[in-house]
Amino acid sequence: MANDREILLRINQLSLAIVEEMVKDGDKYSSVEDIKVIENLSRTIVDLTNIHLGKDADLSTTLKACLIRSRLSYNTVVKDNLVKHI
């Protein structure tokens, strides 16, 4: 099982990859799927800030949820090229 730091690093990598992909192919993103990506990443940011503010009692579970939402967002953004892995 990955430790908390590894999970945070993974979330960071996925988020950066999403930004790069959306900037690179910006013209093709303007759908309901895009809204889901934004919502998932926004929820991840809320959870991560809650962790840093000491508002979250279950760090490991929250980080795992953040990783899942980040991965879902990443998969949505690069759905046409799923063989590309980070």
N, C-alpha and C. Protein backbone atom coordinates (compact mmCIF):
# COMPACT_ATOMS: atom_id res chain seq x y z
N MET A 1 0.84 -1.19 0.00
CA MET A 1 0.00 0.00 0.00
C MET A 1 0.89 1.24 0.00
N ALA A 2 0.53 2.20 -0.79
CA ALA A 2 1.29 3.44 -0.89
C ALA A 2 1.12 4.27 0.38
N ASN A 3 2.19 4.95 0.74
CA ASN A 3 2.07 5.82 1.91
C ASN A 3 1.45 7.16 1.49
N ASP A 4 1.14 8.00 2.47
CA ASP A 4 0.43 9.25 2.20
C ASP A 4 1.22 10.16 1.26
N ARG A 5 2.52 10.23 1.43
CA ARG A 5 3.33 11.09 0.56
C ARG A 5 3.28 10.59 -0.88
N GLU A 6 3.34 9.30 -1.09
CA GLU A 6 3.26 8.75 -2.44
C GLU A 6 1.91 9.07 -3.08
N ILE A 7 0.85 9.01 -2.29
CA ILE A 7 -0.48 9.32 -2.81
C ILE A 7 -0.56 10.79 -3.20
N LEU A 8 -0.02 11.68 -2.35
CA LEU A 8 0.00 13.10 -2.67
C LEU A 8 0.79 13.37 -3.95
N LEU A 9 1.92 12.72 -4.10
CA LEU A 9 2.72 12.88 -5.31
C LEU A 9 1.96 12.40 -6.55
N ARG A 10 1.24 11.31 -6.41
CA ARG A 10 0.45 10.77 -7.53
C ARG A 10 -0.67 11.74 -7.93
N ILE A 11 -1.36 12.29 -6.93
CA ILE A 11 -2.41 13.27 -7.20
C ILE A 11 -1.81 14.46 -7.94
N ASN A 12 -0.64 14.90 -7.51
CA ASN A 12 0.05 16.02 -8.14
C ASN A 12 0.37 15.70 -9.59
N GLN A 13 0.91 14.51 -9.86
CA GLN A 13 1.26 14.12 -11.22
C GLN A 13 0.02 14.07 -12.12
N LEU A 14 -1.05 13.49 -11.62
CA LEU A 14 -2.28 13.39 -12.42
C LEU A 14 -2.85 14.77 -12.72
N SER A 15 -2.85 15.64 -11.73
CA SER A 15 -3.38 16.99 -11.94
C SER A 15 -2.56 17.75 -12.97
N LEU A 16 -1.25 17.65 -12.88
CA LEU A 16 -0.38 18.31 -13.86
C LEU A 16 -0.60 17.74 -15.27
N ALA A 17 -0.78 16.45 -15.37
CA ALA A 17 -1.01 15.82 -16.67
C ALA A 17 -2.35 16.29 -17.26
N ILE A 18 -3.35 16.45 -16.43
CA ILE A 18 -4.65 16.95 -16.90
C ILE A 18 -4.50 18.36 -17.44
N VAL A 19 -3.81 19.21 -16.71
CA VAL A 19 -3.60 20.59 -17.16
C VAL A 19 -2.87 20.60 -18.50
N GLU A 20 -1.80 19.83 -18.61
CA GLU A 20 -1.04 19.77 -19.85
C GLU A 20 -1.90 19.29 -21.02
N GLU A 21 -2.69 18.26 -20.78
CA GLU A 21 -3.54 17.69 -21.83
C GLU A 21 -4.61 18.69 -22.26
N MET A 22 -5.22 19.37 -21.30
CA MET A 22 -6.28 20.32 -21.64
C MET A 22 -5.72 21.56 -22.34
N VAL A 23 -4.52 21.97 -21.98
CA VAL A 23 -3.90 23.11 -22.65
C VAL A 23 -3.50 22.72 -24.07
N LYS A 24 -2.93 21.53 -24.20
CA LYS A 24 -2.47 21.05 -25.51
C LYS A 24 -3.63 20.89 -26.49
N ASP A 25 -4.74 20.31 -26.03
CA ASP A 25 -5.90 20.03 -26.89
C ASP A 25 -7.12 20.81 -26.42
N GLY A 26 -6.93 22.06 -26.07
CA GLY A 26 -7.98 22.87 -25.46
C GLY A 26 -9.26 22.99 -26.27
N ASP A 27 -9.17 22.96 -27.59
CA ASP A 27 -10.35 23.14 -28.43
C ASP A 27 -11.37 22.01 -28.31
N LYS A 28 -10.94 20.84 -27.92
CA LYS A 28 -11.86 19.71 -27.89
C LYS A 28 -12.55 19.51 -26.54
N TYR A 29 -12.31 20.41 -25.56
CA TYR A 29 -12.89 20.24 -24.24
C TYR A 29 -13.93 21.32 -23.95
N SER A 30 -15.19 20.96 -24.03
CA SER A 30 -16.27 21.88 -23.65
C SER A 30 -17.57 21.11 -23.53
N SER A 31 -17.58 20.05 -22.76
CA SER A 31 -18.76 19.20 -22.66
C SER A 31 -19.10 18.92 -21.21
N VAL A 32 -20.08 18.08 -21.01
CA VAL A 32 -20.48 17.65 -19.68
C VAL A 32 -19.32 16.93 -18.99
N GLU A 33 -18.54 16.19 -19.76
CA GLU A 33 -17.38 15.50 -19.20
C GLU A 33 -16.38 16.49 -18.60
N ASP A 34 -16.23 17.62 -19.26
CA ASP A 34 -15.33 18.65 -18.74
C ASP A 34 -15.80 19.15 -17.39
N ILE A 35 -17.10 19.32 -17.26
CA ILE A 35 -17.67 19.77 -15.98
C ILE A 35 -17.39 18.75 -14.90
N LYS A 36 -17.47 17.46 -15.23
CA LYS A 36 -17.17 16.41 -14.25
C LYS A 36 -15.70 16.47 -13.83
N VAL A 37 -14.81 16.71 -14.79
CA VAL A 37 -13.39 16.82 -14.47
C VAL A 37 -13.17 17.98 -13.50
N ILE A 38 -13.76 19.13 -13.81
CA ILE A 38 -13.60 20.30 -12.96
C ILE A 38 -14.17 20.04 -11.57
N GLU A 39 -15.33 19.41 -11.51
CA GLU A 39 -15.93 19.10 -10.20
C GLU A 39 -15.04 18.15 -9.40
N ASN A 40 -14.56 17.10 -10.02
CA ASN A 40 -13.70 16.15 -9.30
C ASN A 40 -12.43 16.81 -8.80
N LEU A 41 -11.81 17.62 -9.63
CA LEU A 41 -10.58 18.28 -9.20
C LEU A 41 -10.86 19.33 -8.12
N SER A 42 -11.99 20.00 -8.22
CA SER A 42 -12.36 20.97 -7.18
C SER A 42 -12.60 20.27 -5.84
N ARG A 43 -13.26 19.14 -5.87
CA ARG A 43 -13.48 18.38 -4.63
C ARG A 43 -12.14 17.90 -4.05
N THR A 44 -11.23 17.53 -4.94
CA THR A 44 -9.90 17.12 -4.48
C THR A 44 -9.19 18.27 -3.79
N ILE A 45 -9.27 19.45 -4.37
CA ILE A 45 -8.63 20.62 -3.76
C ILE A 45 -9.25 20.91 -2.40
N VAL A 46 -10.57 20.83 -2.30
CA VAL A 46 -11.24 21.05 -1.01
C VAL A 46 -10.74 20.05 0.02
N ASP A 47 -10.68 18.79 -0.35
CA ASP A 47 -10.21 17.76 0.59
C ASP A 47 -8.77 17.99 1.01
N LEU A 48 -7.91 18.32 0.05
CA LEU A 48 -6.50 18.55 0.38
C LEU A 48 -6.33 19.77 1.28
N THR A 49 -7.09 20.81 1.03
CA THR A 49 -6.99 21.98 1.92
C THR A 49 -7.54 21.66 3.30
N ASN A 50 -8.59 20.84 3.36
CA ASN A 50 -9.11 20.43 4.67
C ASN A 50 -8.06 19.64 5.45
N ILE A 51 -7.31 18.81 4.77
CA ILE A 51 -6.23 18.06 5.42
C ILE A 51 -5.21 19.04 6.00
N HIS A 52 -4.81 19.99 5.20
CA HIS A 52 -3.77 20.93 5.65
C HIS A 52 -4.28 21.88 6.72
N LEU A 53 -5.59 22.11 6.76
CA LEU A 53 -6.17 22.96 7.80
C LEU A 53 -6.51 22.18 9.07
N GLY A 54 -6.30 20.87 9.03
CA GLY A 54 -6.58 20.05 10.20
C GLY A 54 -8.06 19.76 10.40
N LYS A 55 -8.84 19.90 9.36
CA LYS A 55 -10.29 19.67 9.45
C LYS A 55 -10.68 18.23 9.13
N ASP A 56 -9.73 17.40 8.78
CA ASP A 56 -10.02 16.03 8.37
C ASP A 56 -9.36 15.06 9.33
N ALA A 57 -10.17 14.17 9.88
CA ALA A 57 -9.66 13.23 10.88
C ALA A 57 -9.11 11.95 10.27
N ASP A 58 -9.51 11.64 9.04
CA ASP A 58 -9.11 10.37 8.42
C ASP A 58 -8.26 10.64 7.18
N LEU A 59 -7.00 10.93 7.41
CA LEU A 59 -6.08 11.34 6.36
C LEU A 59 -5.97 10.30 5.25
N SER A 60 -5.73 9.06 5.59
CA SER A 60 -5.50 8.03 4.56
C SER A 60 -6.71 7.83 3.65
N THR A 61 -7.90 7.77 4.23
CA THR A 61 -9.11 7.58 3.43
C THR A 61 -9.35 8.78 2.52
N THR A 62 -9.14 9.98 3.03
CA THR A 62 -9.33 11.18 2.24
C THR A 62 -8.33 11.23 1.09
N LEU A 63 -7.08 10.88 1.34
CA LEU A 63 -6.08 10.87 0.27
C LEU A 63 -6.41 9.85 -0.80
N LYS A 64 -6.90 8.70 -0.39
CA LYS A 64 -7.30 7.68 -1.36
C LYS A 64 -8.45 8.18 -2.22
N ALA A 65 -9.42 8.86 -1.61
CA ALA A 65 -10.54 9.42 -2.37
C ALA A 65 -10.05 10.48 -3.35
N CYS A 66 -9.08 11.29 -2.91
CA CYS A 66 -8.49 12.31 -3.80
C CYS A 66 -7.79 11.65 -4.98
N LEU A 67 -7.08 10.59 -4.73
CA LEU A 67 -6.39 9.88 -5.80
C LEU A 67 -7.39 9.29 -6.80
N ILE A 68 -8.47 8.72 -6.31
CA ILE A 68 -9.49 8.15 -7.19
C ILE A 68 -10.10 9.25 -8.06
N ARG A 69 -10.46 10.38 -7.46
CA ARG A 69 -11.04 11.48 -8.24
C ARG A 69 -10.04 12.03 -9.25
N SER A 70 -8.77 12.11 -8.86
CA SER A 70 -7.74 12.59 -9.80
C SER A 70 -7.59 11.62 -10.97
N ARG A 71 -7.60 10.34 -10.67
CA ARG A 71 -7.47 9.33 -11.73
C ARG A 71 -8.68 9.35 -12.66
N LEU A 72 -9.89 9.51 -12.11
CA LEU A 72 -11.09 9.61 -12.94
C LEU A 72 -10.99 10.82 -13.87
N SER A 73 -10.53 11.93 -13.34
CA SER A 73 -10.38 13.14 -14.15
C SER A 73 -9.36 12.92 -15.26
N TYR A 74 -8.24 12.34 -14.90
CA TYR A 74 -7.19 12.05 -15.88
C TYR A 74 -7.73 11.14 -17.00
N ASN A 75 -8.41 10.08 -16.62
CA ASN A 75 -8.95 9.14 -17.61
C ASN A 75 -9.95 9.82 -18.53
N THR A 76 -10.73 10.75 -18.00
CA THR A 76 -11.69 11.47 -18.82
C THR A 76 -10.98 12.36 -19.83
N VAL A 77 -9.94 13.04 -19.40
CA VAL A 77 -9.22 13.96 -20.27
C VAL A 77 -8.46 13.23 -21.37
N VAL A 78 -7.89 12.08 -21.07
CA VAL A 78 -7.09 11.36 -22.06
C VAL A 78 -7.78 10.10 -22.55
N LYS A 79 -9.10 10.10 -22.54
CA LYS A 79 -9.86 8.87 -22.88
C LYS A 79 -9.57 8.35 -24.27
N ASP A 80 -9.13 9.22 -25.17
CA ASP A 80 -8.81 8.76 -26.52
C ASP A 80 -7.45 8.10 -26.61
N ASN A 81 -6.67 8.19 -25.54
CA ASN A 81 -5.30 7.67 -25.55
C ASN A 81 -5.00 6.99 -24.22
N LEU A 82 -5.76 5.96 -23.88
CA LEU A 82 -5.63 5.31 -22.58
C LEU A 82 -4.33 4.52 -22.42
N VAL A 83 -3.60 4.29 -23.49
CA VAL A 83 -2.34 3.57 -23.35
C VAL A 83 -1.26 4.46 -22.74
N LYS A 84 -1.49 5.75 -22.75
CA LYS A 84 -0.52 6.70 -22.16
C LYS A 84 -0.71 6.69 -20.64
N HIS A 85 0.31 6.25 -19.93
CA HIS A 85 0.23 6.19 -18.48
C HIS A 85 1.29 7.06 -17.85
N ILE A 86 0.95 7.57 -16.69
CA ILE A 86 1.92 8.35 -15.92
C ILE A 86 2.55 7.44 -14.91
